[in-house]
Amino acid sequence: MEDWQKYADIIGLEHPEPKTHARMPAADRAAQFGAFAALTGYDEMIADATRESLEG
């Protein structure tokens, strides 16, 4: 049996919508993870290295 066949009974169902509150906009959901950026400060480090290599 293929994996998708295990879920054949639910594949065509509509995605449930919250009944008690509005959905959070995608931008707000994405912002929740901004604080966990693994490479915080990396852009500045690259800019500094680029500037140093161009200067001399």
PDB file of N, CA and C in Angstrom:
ATOM      1  N   MET A   1       0.853  -1.183   0.000  1.00  0.00           N
ATOM      2  CA  MET A   1       0.000   0.000   0.000  1.00  0.00           C
ATOM      3  C   MET A   1       0.895   1.241   0.000  1.00  0.00           C
ATOM      4  N   GLU A   2       0.608   2.172  -0.889  1.00  0.00           N
ATOM      5  CA  GLU A   2       1.338   3.436  -0.958  1.00  0.00           C
ATOM      6  C   GLU A   2       0.995   4.289   0.267  1.00  0.00           C
ATOM      7  N   ASP A   3       1.925   5.142   0.688  1.00  0.00           N
ATOM      8  CA  ASP A   3       1.684   5.996   1.857  1.00  0.00           C
ATOM      9  C   ASP A   3       0.447   6.864   1.688  1.00  0.00           C
ATOM     10  N   TRP A   4       0.255   7.440   0.487  1.00  0.00           N
ATOM     11  CA  TRP A   4      -0.878   8.343   0.289  1.00  0.00           C
ATOM     12  C   TRP A   4      -2.203   7.598   0.414  1.00  0.00           C
ATOM     13  N   GLN A   5      -2.212   6.322   0.134  1.00  0.00           N
ATOM     14  CA  GLN A   5      -3.458   5.546   0.216  1.00  0.00           C
ATOM     15  C   GLN A   5      -3.939   5.405   1.654  1.00  0.00           C
ATOM     16  N   LYS A   6      -3.037   5.473   2.595  1.00  0.00           N
ATOM     17  CA  LYS A   6      -3.428   5.399   4.003  1.00  0.00           C
ATOM     18  C   LYS A   6      -4.333   6.572   4.383  1.00  0.00           C
ATOM     19  N   TYR A   7      -4.175   7.669   3.650  1.00  0.00           N
ATOM     20  CA  TYR A   7      -4.907   8.892   3.982  1.00  0.00           C
ATOM     21  C   TYR A   7      -5.934   9.268   2.928  1.00  0.00           C
ATOM     22  N   ALA A   8      -6.300   8.343   2.084  1.00  0.00           N
ATOM     23  CA  ALA A   8      -7.231   8.604   0.988  1.00  0.00           C
ATOM     24  C   ALA A   8      -8.570   9.152   1.485  1.00  0.00           C
ATOM     25  N   ASP A   9      -8.989   8.754   2.673  1.00  0.00           N
ATOM     26  CA  ASP A   9     -10.279   9.206   3.192  1.00  0.00           C
ATOM     27  C   ASP A   9     -10.274  10.663   3.624  1.00  0.00           C
ATOM     28  N   ILE A  10      -9.109  11.253   3.857  1.00  0.00           N
ATOM     29  CA  ILE A  10      -9.072  12.645   4.311  1.00  0.00           C
ATOM     30  C   ILE A  10      -8.435  13.597   3.305  1.00  0.00           C
ATOM     31  N   ILE A  11      -7.863  13.074   2.236  1.00  0.00           N
ATOM     32  CA  ILE A  11      -7.158  13.919   1.279  1.00  0.00           C
ATOM     33  C   ILE A  11      -8.062  14.998   0.693  1.00  0.00           C
ATOM     34  N   GLY A  12      -9.294  14.689   0.376  1.00  0.00           N
ATOM     35  CA  GLY A  12     -10.187  15.654  -0.259  1.00  0.00           C
ATOM     36  C   GLY A  12     -10.922  16.576   0.694  1.00  0.00           C
ATOM     37  N   LEU A  13     -10.717  16.431   1.993  1.00  0.00           N
ATOM     38  CA  LEU A  13     -11.434  17.274   2.952  1.00  0.00           C
ATOM     39  C   LEU A  13     -10.900  18.699   2.932  1.00  0.00           C
ATOM     40  N   GLU A  14     -11.784  19.655   3.241  1.00  0.00           N
ATOM     41  CA  GLU A  14     -11.357  21.047   3.332  1.00  0.00           C
ATOM     42  C   GLU A  14     -10.537  21.245   4.597  1.00  0.00           C
ATOM     43  N   HIS A  15      -9.615  22.206   4.535  1.00  0.00           N
ATOM     44  CA  HIS A  15      -8.813  22.524   5.714  1.00  0.00           C
ATOM     45  C   HIS A  15      -9.732  23.174   6.743  1.00  0.00           C
ATOM     46  N   PRO A  16      -9.673  22.763   7.995  1.00  0.00           N
ATOM     47  CA  PRO A  16     -10.548  23.357   9.010  1.00  0.00           C
ATOM     48  C   PRO A  16     -10.203  24.819   9.277  1.00  0.00           C
ATOM     49  N   GLU A  17     -11.217  25.619   9.452  1.00  0.00           N
ATOM     50  CA  GLU A  17     -11.042  27.030   9.778  1.00  0.00           C
ATOM     51  C   GLU A  17     -11.337  27.224  11.261  1.00  0.00           C
ATOM     52  N   PRO A  18     -10.590  28.087  11.933  1.00  0.00           N
ATOM     53  CA  PRO A  18     -10.860  28.343  13.348  1.00  0.00           C
ATOM     54  C   PRO A  18     -12.256  28.927  13.533  1.00  0.00           C
ATOM     55  N   LYS A  19     -12.922  28.501  14.568  1.00  0.00           N
ATOM     56  CA  LYS A  19     -14.283  28.991  14.830  1.00  0.00           C
ATOM     57  C   LYS A  19     -14.293  30.100  15.875  1.00  0.00           C
ATOM     58  N   THR A  20     -13.252  30.176  16.689  1.00  0.00           N
ATOM     59  CA  THR A  20     -13.262  31.129  17.802  1.00  0.00           C
ATOM     60  C   THR A  20     -12.411  32.372  17.565  1.00  0.00           C
ATOM     61  N   HIS A  21     -11.574  32.370  16.536  1.00  0.00           N
ATOM     62  CA  HIS A  21     -10.721  33.536  16.281  1.00  0.00           C
ATOM     63  C   HIS A  21     -10.330  33.575  14.805  1.00  0.00           C
ATOM     64  N   ALA A  22      -9.919  34.746  14.362  1.00  0.00           N
ATOM     65  CA  ALA A  22      -9.506  34.894  12.968  1.00  0.00           C
ATOM     66  C   ALA A  22      -8.123  34.281  12.764  1.00  0.00           C
ATOM     67  N   ARG A  23      -7.854  33.859  11.550  1.00  0.00           N
ATOM     68  CA  ARG A  23      -6.526  33.330  11.233  1.00  0.00           C
ATOM     69  C   ARG A  23      -5.496  34.441  11.318  1.00  0.00           C
ATOM     70  N   MET A  24      -4.298  34.093  11.753  1.00  0.00           N
ATOM     71  CA  MET A  24      -3.204  35.049  11.818  1.00  0.00           C
ATOM     72  C   MET A  24      -2.648  35.250  10.408  1.00  0.00           C
ATOM     73  N   PRO A  25      -2.404  36.486  10.013  1.00  0.00           N
ATOM     74  CA  PRO A  25      -1.809  36.728   8.697  1.00  0.00           C
ATOM     75  C   PRO A  25      -0.439  36.037   8.582  1.00  0.00           C
ATOM     76  N   ALA A  26      -0.092  35.626   7.373  1.00  0.00           N
ATOM     77  CA  ALA A  26       1.161  34.894   7.145  1.00  0.00           C
ATOM     78  C   ALA A  26       2.374  35.700   7.605  1.00  0.00           C
ATOM     79  N   ALA A  27       2.363  37.003   7.396  1.00  0.00           N
ATOM     80  CA  ALA A  27       3.505  37.829   7.812  1.00  0.00           C
ATOM     81  C   ALA A  27       3.675  37.796   9.328  1.00  0.00           C
ATOM     82  N   ASP A  28       2.574  37.796  10.056  1.00  0.00           N
ATOM     83  CA  ASP A  28       2.651  37.730  11.524  1.00  0.00           C
ATOM     84  C   ASP A  28       3.150  36.368  11.984  1.00  0.00           C
ATOM     85  N   ARG A  29       2.707  35.314  11.315  1.00  0.00           N
ATOM     86  CA  ARG A  29       3.190  33.966  11.664  1.00  0.00           C
ATOM     87  C   ARG A  29       4.691  33.874  11.425  1.00  0.00           C
ATOM     88  N   ALA A  30       5.156  34.405  10.301  1.00  0.00           N
ATOM     89  CA  ALA A  30       6.581  34.354   9.978  1.00  0.00           C
ATOM     90  C   ALA A  30       7.396  35.161  10.986  1.00  0.00           C
ATOM     91  N   ALA A  31       6.856  36.277  11.442  1.00  0.00           N
ATOM     92  CA  ALA A  31       7.580  37.138  12.382  1.00  0.00           C
ATOM     93  C   ALA A  31       7.842  36.432  13.708  1.00  0.00           C
ATOM     94  N   GLN A  32       7.047  35.448  14.058  1.00  0.00           N
ATOM     95  CA  GLN A  32       7.252  34.720  15.303  1.00  0.00           C
ATOM     96  C   GLN A  32       8.608  34.026  15.326  1.00  0.00           C
ATOM     97  N   PHE A  33       9.117  33.681  14.162  1.00  0.00           N
ATOM     98  CA  PHE A  33      10.360  32.930  14.099  1.00  0.00           C
ATOM     99  C   PHE A  33      11.568  33.825  13.856  1.00  0.00           C
ATOM    100  N   GLY A  34      11.366  35.097  13.641  1.00  0.00           N
ATOM    101  CA  GLY A  34      12.463  36.012  13.384  1.00  0.00           C
ATOM    102  C   GLY A  34      13.457  36.084  14.533  1.00  0.00           C
ATOM    103  N   ALA A  35      12.979  35.969  15.739  1.00  0.00           N
ATOM    104  CA  ALA A  35      13.854  36.046  16.901  1.00  0.00           C
ATOM    105  C   ALA A  35      14.800  34.851  16.993  1.00  0.00           C
ATOM    106  N   PHE A  36      14.525  33.803  16.254  1.00  0.00           N
ATOM    107  CA  PHE A  36      15.335  32.597  16.321  1.00  0.00           C
ATOM    108  C   PHE A  36      16.267  32.464  15.124  1.00  0.00           C
ATOM    109  N   ALA A  37      16.505  33.556  14.418  1.00  0.00           N
ATOM    110  CA  ALA A  37      17.377  33.509  13.248  1.00  0.00           C
ATOM    111  C   ALA A  37      18.758  33.023  13.673  1.00  0.00           C
ATOM    112  N   ALA A  38      19.212  31.950  13.069  1.00  0.00           N
ATOM    113  CA  ALA A  38      20.488  31.343  13.453  1.00  0.00           C
ATOM    114  C   ALA A  38      21.674  32.197  13.042  1.00  0.00           C
ATOM    115  N   LEU A  39      21.518  33.007  12.021  1.00  0.00           N
ATOM    116  CA  LEU A  39      22.647  33.769  11.488  1.00  0.00           C
ATOM    117  C   LEU A  39      22.539  35.258  11.804  1.00  0.00           C
ATOM    118  N   THR A  40      22.074  35.600  12.983  1.00  0.00           N
ATOM    119  CA  THR A  40      21.976  36.994  13.375  1.00  0.00           C
ATOM    120  C   THR A  40      23.361  37.633  13.331  1.00  0.00           C
ATOM    121  N   GLY A  41      23.475  38.739  12.632  1.00  0.00           N
ATOM    122  CA  GLY A  41      24.742  39.434  12.512  1.00  0.00           C
ATOM    123  C   GLY A  41      25.597  38.978  11.340  1.00  0.00           C
ATOM    124  N   TYR A  42      25.180  37.944  10.666  1.00  0.00           N
ATOM    125  CA  TYR A  42      25.965  37.394   9.562  1.00  0.00           C
ATOM    126  C   TYR A  42      26.080  38.393   8.413  1.00  0.00           C
ATOM    127  N   ASP A  43      24.980  39.090   8.096  1.00  0.00           N
ATOM    128  CA  ASP A  43      25.008  40.079   7.004  1.00  0.00           C
ATOM    129  C   ASP A  43      26.044  41.167   7.268  1.00  0.00           C
ATOM    130  N   GLU A  44      26.097  41.641   8.514  1.00  0.00           N
ATOM    131  CA  GLU A  44      27.077  42.667   8.857  1.00  0.00           C
ATOM    132  C   GLU A  44      28.504  42.131   8.737  1.00  0.00           C
ATOM    133  N   MET A  45      28.711  40.889   9.156  1.00  0.00           N
ATOM    134  CA  MET A  45      30.032  40.292   9.071  1.00  0.00           C
ATOM    135  C   MET A  45      30.494  40.174   7.611  1.00  0.00           C
ATOM    136  N   ILE A  46      29.593  39.776   6.734  1.00  0.00           N
ATOM    137  CA  ILE A  46      29.909  39.668   5.305  1.00  0.00           C
ATOM    138  C   ILE A  46      30.207  41.051   4.727  1.00  0.00           C
ATOM    139  N   ALA A  47      29.408  42.047   5.096  1.00  0.00           N
ATOM    140  CA  ALA A  47      29.630  43.407   4.601  1.00  0.00           C
ATOM    141  C   ALA A  47      30.995  43.925   5.052  1.00  0.00           C
ATOM    142  N   ASP A  48      31.350  43.671   6.309  1.00  0.00           N
ATOM    143  CA  ASP A  48      32.657  44.103   6.820  1.00  0.00           C
ATOM    144  C   ASP A  48      33.796  43.419   6.061  1.00  0.00           C
ATOM    145  N   ALA A  49      33.681  42.122   5.860  1.00  0.00           N
ATOM    146  CA  ALA A  49      34.726  41.375   5.156  1.00  0.00           C
ATOM    147  C   ALA A  49      34.850  41.861   3.715  1.00  0.00           C
ATOM    148  N   THR A  50      33.731  42.147   3.077  1.00  0.00           N
ATOM    149  CA  THR A  50      33.751  42.639   1.699  1.00  0.00           C
ATOM    150  C   THR A  50      34.419  44.001   1.637  1.00  0.00           C
ATOM    151  N   ARG A  51      34.056  44.869   2.563  1.00  0.00           N
ATOM    152  CA  ARG A  51      34.627  46.214   2.606  1.00  0.00           C
ATOM    153  C   ARG A  51      36.146  46.138   2.835  1.00  0.00           C
ATOM    154  N   GLU A  52      36.582  45.277   3.751  1.00  0.00           N
ATOM    155  CA  GLU A  52      38.017  45.134   4.037  1.00  0.00           C
ATOM    156  C   GLU A  52      38.774  44.604   2.826  1.00  0.00           C
ATOM    157  N   SER A  53      38.187  43.663   2.104  1.00  0.00           N
ATOM    158  CA  SER A  53      38.879  43.093   0.949  1.00  0.00           C
ATOM    159  C   SER A  53      38.956  44.104  -0.191  1.00  0.00           C
ATOM    160  N   LEU A  54      37.986  45.004  -0.303  1.00  0.00           N
ATOM    161  CA  LEU A  54      38.007  46.013  -1.354  1.00  0.00           C
ATOM    162  C   LEU A  54      38.975  47.143  -1.028  1.00  0.00           C
ATOM    163  N   GLU A  55      39.159  47.391   0.254  1.00  0.00           N
ATOM    164  CA  GLU A  55      40.042  48.476   0.678  1.00  0.00           C
ATOM    165  C   GLU A  55      41.517  48.104   0.571  1.00  0.00           C
ATOM    166  N   GLY A  56      41.801  46.851   0.683  1.00  0.00           N
ATOM    167  CA  GLY A  56      43.200  46.656   0.630  1.00  0.00           C
ATOM    168  C   GLY A  56      43.749  45.338   0.678  1.00  0.00           C
TER     169      GLY A  56
END
